[in-house]
Amino acid sequence: MNYFQKKLKLIMQTKNLKQKDLAEMTGLAQTTISSWLTKDAVPKVSSVEPLAKALGLTVGDLIGDFGQNQELLEEDKRFIALPLKRKRLLLRILDAVEEE
């Protein structure tokens, strides 16, 4: 189970939401939400903002640290250390690759 999946499941349980509810709130397909919850799929960057908004959270709340004891991979540490402009560029590149 990946980090995002754990976080989304916890938020949905806390707010007593089902996949169908979240799909209606966000305008996203229920199959998309299901893949986030049952597979190691993660949302495209463009889906994170509407998801956070529908849940009444900030993007940071939604994708922020899940726990103090979580170990970060070296790649994660490198990404975190990047300047904001470079992070945004990399995320746009990832979105473009996912669309292919």
PDB file of N, CA and C in Angstrom:
ATOM      1  N   MET A   1       0.860  -1.187   0.000  1.00  0.00           N
ATOM      2  CA  MET A   1       0.000   0.000   0.000  1.00  0.00           C
ATOM      3  C   MET A   1       0.896   1.237   0.000  1.00  0.00           C
ATOM      4  N   ASN A   2       0.629   2.138  -0.921  1.00  0.00           N
ATOM      5  CA  ASN A   2       1.467   3.325  -0.998  1.00  0.00           C
ATOM      6  C   ASN A   2       0.975   4.415  -0.033  1.00  0.00           C
ATOM      7  N   TYR A   3       1.799   5.420   0.104  1.00  0.00           N
ATOM      8  CA  TYR A   3       1.521   6.517   1.037  1.00  0.00           C
ATOM      9  C   TYR A   3       0.194   7.216   0.733  1.00  0.00           C
ATOM     10  N   PHE A   4      -0.017   7.565  -0.546  1.00  0.00           N
ATOM     11  CA  PHE A   4      -1.233   8.284  -0.917  1.00  0.00           C
ATOM     12  C   PHE A   4      -2.464   7.434  -0.623  1.00  0.00           C
ATOM     13  N   GLN A   5      -2.385   6.164  -0.929  1.00  0.00           N
ATOM     14  CA  GLN A   5      -3.494   5.244  -0.700  1.00  0.00           C
ATOM     15  C   GLN A   5      -3.864   5.197   0.790  1.00  0.00           C
ATOM     16  N   LYS A   6      -2.871   5.096   1.643  1.00  0.00           N
ATOM     17  CA  LYS A   6      -3.119   5.087   3.102  1.00  0.00           C
ATOM     18  C   LYS A   6      -3.808   6.380   3.538  1.00  0.00           C
ATOM     19  N   LYS A   7      -3.284   7.479   3.059  1.00  0.00           N
ATOM     20  CA  LYS A   7      -3.804   8.790   3.453  1.00  0.00           C
ATOM     21  C   LYS A   7      -5.247   8.962   2.987  1.00  0.00           C
ATOM     22  N   LEU A   8      -5.535   8.625   1.727  1.00  0.00           N
ATOM     23  CA  LEU A   8      -6.881   8.781   1.195  1.00  0.00           C
ATOM     24  C   LEU A   8      -7.870   7.870   1.923  1.00  0.00           C
ATOM     25  N   LYS A   9      -7.473   6.634   2.184  1.00  0.00           N
ATOM     26  CA  LYS A   9      -8.357   5.713   2.918  1.00  0.00           C
ATOM     27  C   LYS A   9      -8.680   6.260   4.303  1.00  0.00           C
ATOM     28  N   LEU A  10      -7.674   6.774   4.984  1.00  0.00           N
ATOM     29  CA  LEU A  10      -7.879   7.325   6.323  1.00  0.00           C
ATOM     30  C   LEU A  10      -8.824   8.524   6.280  1.00  0.00           C
ATOM     31  N   ILE A  11      -8.624   9.406   5.330  1.00  0.00           N
ATOM     32  CA  ILE A  11      -9.487  10.590   5.198  1.00  0.00           C
ATOM     33  C   ILE A  11     -10.920  10.179   4.888  1.00  0.00           C
ATOM     34  N   MET A  12     -11.076   9.234   3.970  1.00  0.00           N
ATOM     35  CA  MET A  12     -12.429   8.783   3.613  1.00  0.00           C
ATOM     36  C   MET A  12     -13.123   8.120   4.801  1.00  0.00           C
ATOM     37  N   GLN A  13     -12.385   7.333   5.574  1.00  0.00           N
ATOM     38  CA  GLN A  13     -12.973   6.703   6.766  1.00  0.00           C
ATOM     39  C   GLN A  13     -13.382   7.764   7.776  1.00  0.00           C
ATOM     40  N   THR A  14     -12.523   8.733   7.984  1.00  0.00           N
ATOM     41  CA  THR A  14     -12.796   9.801   8.948  1.00  0.00           C
ATOM     42  C   THR A  14     -14.034  10.596   8.556  1.00  0.00           C
ATOM     43  N   LYS A  15     -14.181  10.840   7.264  1.00  0.00           N
ATOM     44  CA  LYS A  15     -15.314  11.635   6.775  1.00  0.00           C
ATOM     45  C   LYS A  15     -16.512  10.762   6.374  1.00  0.00           C
ATOM     46  N   ASN A  16     -16.379   9.448   6.598  1.00  0.00           N
ATOM     47  CA  ASN A  16     -17.447   8.496   6.287  1.00  0.00           C
ATOM     48  C   ASN A  16     -17.897   8.603   4.827  1.00  0.00           C
ATOM     49  N   LEU A  17     -16.921   8.601   3.925  1.00  0.00           N
ATOM     50  CA  LEU A  17     -17.200   8.720   2.495  1.00  0.00           C
ATOM     51  C   LEU A  17     -16.956   7.393   1.784  1.00  0.00           C
ATOM     52  N   LYS A  18     -17.763   7.125   0.801  1.00  0.00           N
ATOM     53  CA  LYS A  18     -17.589   5.964  -0.063  1.00  0.00           C
ATOM     54  C   LYS A  18     -17.003   6.452  -1.388  1.00  0.00           C
ATOM     55  N   GLN A  19     -16.491   5.530  -2.183  1.00  0.00           N
ATOM     56  CA  GLN A  19     -15.909   5.896  -3.472  1.00  0.00           C
ATOM     57  C   GLN A  19     -16.910   6.669  -4.330  1.00  0.00           C
ATOM     58  N   LYS A  20     -18.148   6.220  -4.337  1.00  0.00           N
ATOM     59  CA  LYS A  20     -19.190   6.875  -5.128  1.00  0.00           C
ATOM     60  C   LYS A  20     -19.375   8.327  -4.678  1.00  0.00           C
ATOM     61  N   ASP A  21     -19.369   8.546  -3.358  1.00  0.00           N
ATOM     62  CA  ASP A  21     -19.522   9.902  -2.821  1.00  0.00           C
ATOM     63  C   ASP A  21     -18.390  10.799  -3.315  1.00  0.00           C
ATOM     64  N   LEU A  22     -17.175  10.281  -3.219  1.00  0.00           N
ATOM     65  CA  LEU A  22     -16.011  11.064  -3.616  1.00  0.00           C
ATOM     66  C   LEU A  22     -16.027  11.349  -5.120  1.00  0.00           C
ATOM     67  N   ALA A  23     -16.473  10.384  -5.903  1.00  0.00           N
ATOM     68  CA  ALA A  23     -16.577  10.586  -7.349  1.00  0.00           C
ATOM     69  C   ALA A  23     -17.560  11.716  -7.659  1.00  0.00           C
ATOM     70  N   GLU A  24     -18.685  11.717  -6.990  1.00  0.00           N
ATOM     71  CA  GLU A  24     -19.682  12.772  -7.208  1.00  0.00           C
ATOM     72  C   GLU A  24     -19.168  14.129  -6.756  1.00  0.00           C
ATOM     73  N   MET A  25     -18.440  14.165  -5.665  1.00  0.00           N
ATOM     74  CA  MET A  25     -17.928  15.420  -5.129  1.00  0.00           C
ATOM     75  C   MET A  25     -16.845  16.035  -6.017  1.00  0.00           C
ATOM     76  N   THR A  26     -16.073  15.186  -6.686  1.00  0.00           N
ATOM     77  CA  THR A  26     -14.923  15.668  -7.453  1.00  0.00           C
ATOM     78  C   THR A  26     -15.163  15.731  -8.953  1.00  0.00           C
ATOM     79  N   GLY A  27     -16.156  15.004  -9.419  1.00  0.00           N
ATOM     80  CA  GLY A  27     -16.368  14.907 -10.857  1.00  0.00           C
ATOM     81  C   GLY A  27     -15.429  13.910 -11.514  1.00  0.00           C
ATOM     82  N   LEU A  28     -14.702  13.158 -10.700  1.00  0.00           N
ATOM     83  CA  LEU A  28     -13.787  12.141 -11.220  1.00  0.00           C
ATOM     84  C   LEU A  28     -14.530  10.809 -11.338  1.00  0.00           C
ATOM     85  N   ALA A  29     -14.037   9.936 -12.182  1.00  0.00           N
ATOM     86  CA  ALA A  29     -14.662   8.626 -12.355  1.00  0.00           C
ATOM     87  C   ALA A  29     -14.451   7.776 -11.105  1.00  0.00           C
ATOM     88  N   GLN A  30     -15.470   7.016 -10.737  1.00  0.00           N
ATOM     89  CA  GLN A  30     -15.359   6.133  -9.581  1.00  0.00           C
ATOM     90  C   GLN A  30     -14.261   5.091  -9.810  1.00  0.00           C
ATOM     91  N   THR A  31     -14.073   4.673 -11.053  1.00  0.00           N
ATOM     92  CA  THR A  31     -13.013   3.701 -11.345  1.00  0.00           C
ATOM     93  C   THR A  31     -11.624   4.285 -11.076  1.00  0.00           C
ATOM     94  N   THR A  32     -11.492   5.581 -11.289  1.00  0.00           N
ATOM     95  CA  THR A  32     -10.217   6.251 -10.998  1.00  0.00           C
ATOM     96  C   THR A  32      -9.948   6.227  -9.503  1.00  0.00           C
ATOM     97  N   ILE A  33     -10.945   6.584  -8.729  1.00  0.00           N
ATOM     98  CA  ILE A  33     -10.800   6.589  -7.274  1.00  0.00           C
ATOM     99  C   ILE A  33     -10.551   5.176  -6.763  1.00  0.00           C
ATOM    100  N   SER A  34     -11.250   4.218  -7.343  1.00  0.00           N
ATOM    101  CA  SER A  34     -11.054   2.821  -6.961  1.00  0.00           C
ATOM    102  C   SER A  34      -9.611   2.384  -7.209  1.00  0.00           C
ATOM    103  N   SER A  35      -9.037   2.805  -8.333  1.00  0.00           N
ATOM    104  CA  SER A  35      -7.649   2.410  -8.629  1.00  0.00           C
ATOM    105  C   SER A  35      -6.675   3.026  -7.623  1.00  0.00           C
ATOM    106  N   TRP A  36      -6.995   4.223  -7.129  1.00  0.00           N
ATOM    107  CA  TRP A  36      -6.138   4.827  -6.104  1.00  0.00           C
ATOM    108  C   TRP A  36      -6.209   4.049  -4.802  1.00  0.00           C
ATOM    109  N   LEU A  37      -7.363   3.470  -4.513  1.00  0.00           N
ATOM    110  CA  LEU A  37      -7.576   2.788  -3.237  1.00  0.00           C
ATOM    111  C   LEU A  37      -7.207   1.314  -3.260  1.00  0.00           C
ATOM    112  N   THR A  38      -7.218   0.692  -4.428  1.00  0.00           N
ATOM    113  CA  THR A  38      -6.997  -0.750  -4.480  1.00  0.00           C
ATOM    114  C   THR A  38      -5.711  -1.157  -5.187  1.00  0.00           C
ATOM    115  N   LYS A  39      -5.133  -0.245  -5.934  1.00  0.00           N
ATOM    116  CA  LYS A  39      -3.884  -0.529  -6.637  1.00  0.00           C
ATOM    117  C   LYS A  39      -2.835   0.460  -6.150  1.00  0.00           C
ATOM    118  N   ASP A  40      -1.656   0.380  -6.704  1.00  0.00           N
ATOM    119  CA  ASP A  40      -0.619   1.344  -6.348  1.00  0.00           C
ATOM    120  C   ASP A  40      -0.655   2.566  -7.253  1.00  0.00           C
ATOM    121  N   ALA A  41      -1.830   2.866  -7.784  1.00  0.00           N
ATOM    122  CA  ALA A  41      -1.986   4.036  -8.649  1.00  0.00           C
ATOM    123  C   ALA A  41      -2.019   5.302  -7.799  1.00  0.00           C
ATOM    124  N   VAL A  42      -1.493   6.362  -8.336  1.00  0.00           N
ATOM    125  CA  VAL A  42      -1.544   7.666  -7.673  1.00  0.00           C
ATOM    126  C   VAL A  42      -2.172   8.661  -8.632  1.00  0.00           C
ATOM    127  N   PRO A  43      -2.792   9.703  -8.107  1.00  0.00           N
ATOM    128  CA  PRO A  43      -3.475  10.646  -8.998  1.00  0.00           C
ATOM    129  C   PRO A  43      -2.504  11.494  -9.802  1.00  0.00           C
ATOM    130  N   LYS A  44      -3.001  11.933 -10.956  1.00  0.00           N
ATOM    131  CA  LYS A  44      -2.255  12.921 -11.722  1.00  0.00           C
ATOM    132  C   LYS A  44      -2.268  14.207 -10.909  1.00  0.00           C
ATOM    133  N   VAL A  45      -1.287  15.019 -11.110  1.00  0.00           N
ATOM    134  CA  VAL A  45      -1.194  16.292 -10.398  1.00  0.00           C
ATOM    135  C   VAL A  45      -2.476  17.105 -10.592  1.00  0.00           C
ATOM    136  N   SER A  46      -3.039  17.051 -11.797  1.00  0.00           N
ATOM    137  CA  SER A  46      -4.245  17.826 -12.090  1.00  0.00           C
ATOM    138  C   SER A  46      -5.468  17.348 -11.314  1.00  0.00           C
ATOM    139  N   SER A  47      -5.423  16.139 -10.770  1.00  0.00           N
ATOM    140  CA  SER A  47      -6.548  15.608  -9.986  1.00  0.00           C
ATOM    141  C   SER A  47      -6.429  15.918  -8.492  1.00  0.00           C
ATOM    142  N   VAL A  48      -5.235  16.249  -8.050  1.00  0.00           N
ATOM    143  CA  VAL A  48      -5.013  16.447  -6.615  1.00  0.00           C
ATOM    144  C   VAL A  48      -5.777  17.662  -6.087  1.00  0.00           C
ATOM    145  N   GLU A  49      -5.756  18.769  -6.808  1.00  0.00           N
ATOM    146  CA  GLU A  49      -6.414  19.984  -6.323  1.00  0.00           C
ATOM    147  C   GLU A  49      -7.927  19.811  -6.179  1.00  0.00           C
ATOM    148  N   PRO A  50      -8.647  19.295  -7.198  1.00  0.00           N
ATOM    149  CA  PRO A  50     -10.090  19.106  -7.013  1.00  0.00           C
ATOM    150  C   PRO A  50     -10.406  18.087  -5.917  1.00  0.00           C
ATOM    151  N   LEU A  51      -9.544  17.100  -5.778  1.00  0.00           N
ATOM    152  CA  LEU A  51      -9.731  16.101  -4.721  1.00  0.00           C
ATOM    153  C   LEU A  51      -9.589  16.745  -3.348  1.00  0.00           C
ATOM    154  N   ALA A  52      -8.540  17.525  -3.166  1.00  0.00           N
ATOM    155  CA  ALA A  52      -8.323  18.207  -1.893  1.00  0.00           C
ATOM    156  C   ALA A  52      -9.476  19.165  -1.596  1.00  0.00           C
ATOM    157  N   LYS A  53      -9.889  19.916  -2.603  1.00  0.00           N
ATOM    158  CA  LYS A  53     -10.984  20.883  -2.427  1.00  0.00           C
ATOM    159  C   LYS A  53     -12.272  20.175  -2.015  1.00  0.00           C
ATOM    160  N   ALA A  54     -12.591  19.069  -2.672  1.00  0.00           N
ATOM    161  CA  ALA A  54     -13.809  18.317  -2.351  1.00  0.00           C
ATOM    162  C   ALA A  54     -13.778  17.776  -0.922  1.00  0.00           C
ATOM    163  N   LEU A  55     -12.591  17.468  -0.435  1.00  0.00           N
ATOM    164  CA  LEU A  55     -12.450  16.931   0.917  1.00  0.00           C
ATOM    165  C   LEU A  55     -12.307  18.025   1.973  1.00  0.00           C
ATOM    166  N   GLY A  56     -12.282  19.282   1.525  1.00  0.00           N
ATOM    167  CA  GLY A  56     -12.135  20.394   2.458  1.00  0.00           C
ATOM    168  C   GLY A  56     -10.730  20.498   3.015  1.00  0.00           C
ATOM    169  N   LEU A  57      -9.749  20.096   2.199  1.00  0.00           N
ATOM    170  CA  LEU A  57      -8.354  20.098   2.628  1.00  0.00           C
ATOM    171  C   LEU A  57      -7.517  20.929   1.675  1.00  0.00           C
ATOM    172  N   THR A  58      -6.329  21.241   2.077  1.00  0.00           N
ATOM    173  CA  THR A  58      -5.372  21.836   1.161  1.00  0.00           C
ATOM    174  C   THR A  58      -4.644  20.693   0.466  1.00  0.00           C
ATOM    175  N   VAL A  59      -3.973  21.001  -0.620  1.00  0.00           N
ATOM    176  CA  VAL A  59      -3.171  19.988  -1.298  1.00  0.00           C
ATOM    177  C   VAL A  59      -2.111  19.454  -0.337  1.00  0.00           C
ATOM    178  N   GLY A  60      -1.531  20.346   0.437  1.00  0.00           N
ATOM    179  CA  GLY A  60      -0.535  19.929   1.427  1.00  0.00           C
ATOM    180  C   GLY A  60      -1.091  18.964   2.455  1.00  0.00           C
ATOM    181  N   ASP A  61      -2.331  19.219   2.900  1.00  0.00           N
ATOM    182  CA  ASP A  61      -2.963  18.299   3.845  1.00  0.00           C
ATOM    183  C   ASP A  61      -3.119  16.911   3.219  1.00  0.00           C
ATOM    184  N   LEU A  62      -3.494  16.902   1.959  1.00  0.00           N
ATOM    185  CA  LEU A  62      -3.785  15.646   1.281  1.00  0.00           C
ATOM    186  C   LEU A  62      -2.529  14.851   0.974  1.00  0.00           C
ATOM    187  N   ILE A  63      -1.488  15.514   0.536  1.00  0.00           N
ATOM    188  CA  ILE A  63      -0.288  14.776   0.146  1.00  0.00           C
ATOM    189  C   ILE A  63       0.881  14.988   1.099  1.00  0.00           C
ATOM    190  N   GLY A  64       0.633  15.717   2.202  1.00  0.00           N
ATOM    191  CA  GLY A  64       1.690  15.981   3.173  1.00  0.00           C
ATOM    192  C   GLY A  64       2.108  14.745   3.933  1.00  0.00           C
ATOM    193  N   ASP A  65       2.993  14.915   4.875  1.00  0.00           N
ATOM    194  CA  ASP A  65       3.577  13.815   5.638  1.00  0.00           C
ATOM    195  C   ASP A  65       2.511  12.976   6.322  1.00  0.00           C
ATOM    196  N   PHE A  66       2.580  11.674   6.127  1.00  0.00           N
ATOM    197  CA  PHE A  66       1.608  10.745   6.723  1.00  0.00           C
ATOM    198  C   PHE A  66       1.995  10.384   8.145  1.00  0.00           C
ATOM    199  N   GLY A  67       3.242  10.466   8.461  1.00  0.00           N
ATOM    200  CA  GLY A  67       3.674  10.103   9.808  1.00  0.00           C
ATOM    201  C   GLY A  67       5.120  10.486  10.020  1.00  0.00           C
ATOM    202  N   GLN A  68       5.445  10.779  11.226  1.00  0.00           N
ATOM    203  CA  GLN A  68       6.803  11.205  11.543  1.00  0.00           C
ATOM    204  C   GLN A  68       7.828  10.097  11.341  1.00  0.00           C
ATOM    205  N   ASN A  69       7.410   8.848  11.447  1.00  0.00           N
ATOM    206  CA  ASN A  69       8.349   7.733  11.352  1.00  0.00           C
ATOM    207  C   ASN A  69       8.517   7.204   9.934  1.00  0.00           C
ATOM    208  N   GLN A  70       7.845   7.817   9.000  1.00  0.00           N
ATOM    209  CA  GLN A  70       7.926   7.351   7.619  1.00  0.00           C
ATOM    210  C   GLN A  70       9.316   7.621   7.070  1.00  0.00           C
ATOM    211  N   GLU A  71       9.927   6.570   6.519  1.00  0.00           N
ATOM    212  CA  GLU A  71      11.250   6.736   5.937  1.00  0.00           C
ATOM    213  C   GLU A  71      11.109   7.210   4.497  1.00  0.00           C
ATOM    214  N   LEU A  72      11.895   8.191   4.139  1.00  0.00           N
ATOM    215  CA  LEU A  72      11.876   8.710   2.776  1.00  0.00           C
ATOM    216  C   LEU A  72      12.955   8.037   1.948  1.00  0.00           C
ATOM    217  N   LEU A  73      12.635   7.751   0.715  1.00  0.00           N
ATOM    218  CA  LEU A  73      13.627   7.239  -0.212  1.00  0.00           C
ATOM    219  C   LEU A  73      14.562   8.377  -0.594  1.00  0.00           C
ATOM    220  N   GLU A  74      15.743   8.031  -1.050  1.00  0.00           N
ATOM    221  CA  GLU A  74      16.695   9.065  -1.469  1.00  0.00           C
ATOM    222  C   GLU A  74      16.102   9.946  -2.563  1.00  0.00           C
ATOM    223  N   GLU A  75      15.307   9.320  -3.477  1.00  0.00           N
ATOM    224  CA  GLU A  75      14.688  10.089  -4.551  1.00  0.00           C
ATOM    225  C   GLU A  75      13.702  11.111  -3.987  1.00  0.00           C
ATOM    226  N   ASP A  76      12.969  10.715  -2.943  1.00  0.00           N
ATOM    227  CA  ASP A  76      12.024  11.629  -2.298  1.00  0.00           C
ATOM    228  C   ASP A  76      12.765  12.810  -1.687  1.00  0.00           C
ATOM    229  N   LYS A  77      13.858  12.523  -1.028  1.00  0.00           N
ATOM    230  CA  LYS A  77      14.645  13.580  -0.386  1.00  0.00           C
ATOM    231  C   LYS A  77      15.180  14.556  -1.425  1.00  0.00           C
ATOM    232  N   ARG A  78      15.612  14.023  -2.563  1.00  0.00           N
ATOM    233  CA  ARG A  78      16.117  14.888  -3.638  1.00  0.00           C
ATOM    234  C   ARG A  78      15.012  15.786  -4.163  1.00  0.00           C
ATOM    235  N   PHE A  79      13.817  15.228  -4.343  1.00  0.00           N
ATOM    236  CA  PHE A  79      12.690  16.021  -4.842  1.00  0.00           C
ATOM    237  C   PHE A  79      12.324  17.114  -3.843  1.00  0.00           C
ATOM    238  N   ILE A  80      12.245  16.770  -2.578  1.00  0.00           N
ATOM    239  CA  ILE A  80      11.881  17.730  -1.536  1.00  0.00           C
ATOM    240  C   ILE A  80      12.865  18.895  -1.493  1.00  0.00           C
ATOM    241  N   ALA A  81      14.117  18.600  -1.745  1.00  0.00           N
ATOM    242  CA  ALA A  81      15.155  19.639  -1.675  1.00  0.00           C
ATOM    243  C   ALA A  81      15.157  20.582  -2.884  1.00  0.00           C
ATOM    244  N   LEU A  82      14.446  20.219  -3.948  1.00  0.00           N
ATOM    245  CA  LEU A  82      14.436  21.064  -5.143  1.00  0.00           C
ATOM    246  C   LEU A  82      13.705  22.381  -4.902  1.00  0.00           C
ATOM    247  N   PRO A  83      14.105  23.427  -5.622  1.00  0.00           N
ATOM    248  CA  PRO A  83      13.352  24.683  -5.573  1.00  0.00           C
ATOM    249  C   PRO A  83      11.952  24.461  -6.168  1.00  0.00           C
ATOM    250  N   LEU A  84      10.996  25.268  -5.742  1.00  0.00           N
ATOM    251  CA  LEU A  84       9.604  25.119  -6.153  1.00  0.00           C
ATOM    252  C   LEU A  84       9.439  25.100  -7.673  1.00  0.00           C
ATOM    253  N   LYS A  85      10.148  25.963  -8.387  1.00  0.00           N
ATOM    254  CA  LYS A  85      10.037  26.009  -9.853  1.00  0.00           C
ATOM    255  C   LYS A  85      10.409  24.666 -10.483  1.00  0.00           C
ATOM    256  N   ARG A  86      11.445  24.046  -9.977  1.00  0.00           N
ATOM    257  CA  ARG A  86      11.878  22.758 -10.528  1.00  0.00           C
ATOM    258  C   ARG A  86      10.888  21.645 -10.173  1.00  0.00           C
ATOM    259  N   LYS A  87      10.308  21.714  -8.987  1.00  0.00           N
ATOM    260  CA  LYS A  87       9.289  20.722  -8.610  1.00  0.00           C
ATOM    261  C   LYS A  87       8.102  20.814  -9.561  1.00  0.00           C
ATOM    262  N   ARG A  88       7.651  22.040  -9.824  1.00  0.00           N
ATOM    263  CA  ARG A  88       6.512  22.228 -10.725  1.00  0.00           C
ATOM    264  C   ARG A  88       6.834  21.719 -12.122  1.00  0.00           C
ATOM    265  N   LEU A  89       8.033  21.986 -12.598  1.00  0.00           N
ATOM    266  CA  LEU A  89       8.441  21.516 -13.919  1.00  0.00           C
ATOM    267  C   LEU A  89       8.425  19.990 -13.977  1.00  0.00           C
ATOM    268  N   LEU A  90       8.983  19.352 -12.978  1.00  0.00           N
ATOM    269  CA  LEU A  90       8.998  17.887 -12.949  1.00  0.00           C
ATOM    270  C   LEU A  90       7.583  17.311 -12.909  1.00  0.00           C
ATOM    271  N   LEU A  91       6.703  17.938 -12.156  1.00  0.00           N
ATOM    272  CA  LEU A  91       5.326  17.457 -12.076  1.00  0.00           C
ATOM    273  C   LEU A  91       4.611  17.612 -13.412  1.00  0.00           C
ATOM    274  N   ARG A  92       4.875  18.705 -14.126  1.00  0.00           N
ATOM    275  CA  ARG A  92       4.288  18.873 -15.462  1.00  0.00           C
ATOM    276  C   ARG A  92       4.812  17.802 -16.421  1.00  0.00           C
ATOM    277  N   ILE A  93       6.088  17.495 -16.310  1.00  0.00           N
ATOM    278  CA  ILE A  93       6.675  16.448 -17.146  1.00  0.00           C
ATOM    279  C   ILE A  93       6.021  15.105 -16.837  1.00  0.00           C
ATOM    280  N   LEU A  94       5.842  14.809 -15.566  1.00  0.00           N
ATOM    281  CA  LEU A  94       5.192  13.551 -15.179  1.00  0.00           C
ATOM    282  C   LEU A  94       3.770  13.469 -15.728  1.00  0.00           C
ATOM    283  N   ASP A  95       3.030  14.551 -15.642  1.00  0.00           N
ATOM    284  CA  ASP A  95       1.668  14.569 -16.186  1.00  0.00           C
ATOM    285  C   ASP A  95       1.688  14.295 -17.686  1.00  0.00           C
ATOM    286  N   ALA A  96       2.639  14.903 -18.396  1.00  0.00           N
ATOM    287  CA  ALA A  96       2.735  14.713 -19.834  1.00  0.00           C
ATOM    288  C   ALA A  96       3.057  13.252 -20.168  1.00  0.00           C
ATOM    289  N   VAL A  97       3.933  12.642 -19.406  1.00  0.00           N
ATOM    290  CA  VAL A  97       4.297  11.244 -19.632  1.00  0.00           C
ATOM    291  C   VAL A  97       3.103  10.334 -19.356  1.00  0.00           C
ATOM    292  N   GLU A  98       2.328  10.617 -18.310  1.00  0.00           N
ATOM    293  CA  GLU A  98       1.171   9.809 -17.967  1.00  0.00           C
ATOM    294  C   GLU A  98       0.101   9.862 -19.044  1.00  0.00           C
ATOM    295  N   GLU A  99      -0.002  10.988 -19.757  1.00  0.00           N
ATOM    296  CA  GLU A  99      -1.018  11.154 -20.786  1.00  0.00           C
ATOM    297  C   GLU A  99      -0.686  10.387 -22.057  1.00  0.00           C
ATOM    298  N   GLU A 100       0.559  10.007 -22.244  1.00  0.00           N
ATOM    299  CA  GLU A 100       0.960   9.287 -23.467  1.00  0.00           C
ATOM    300  C   GLU A 100       0.456   7.876 -23.467  1.00  0.00           C
TER     301      GLU A 100
END
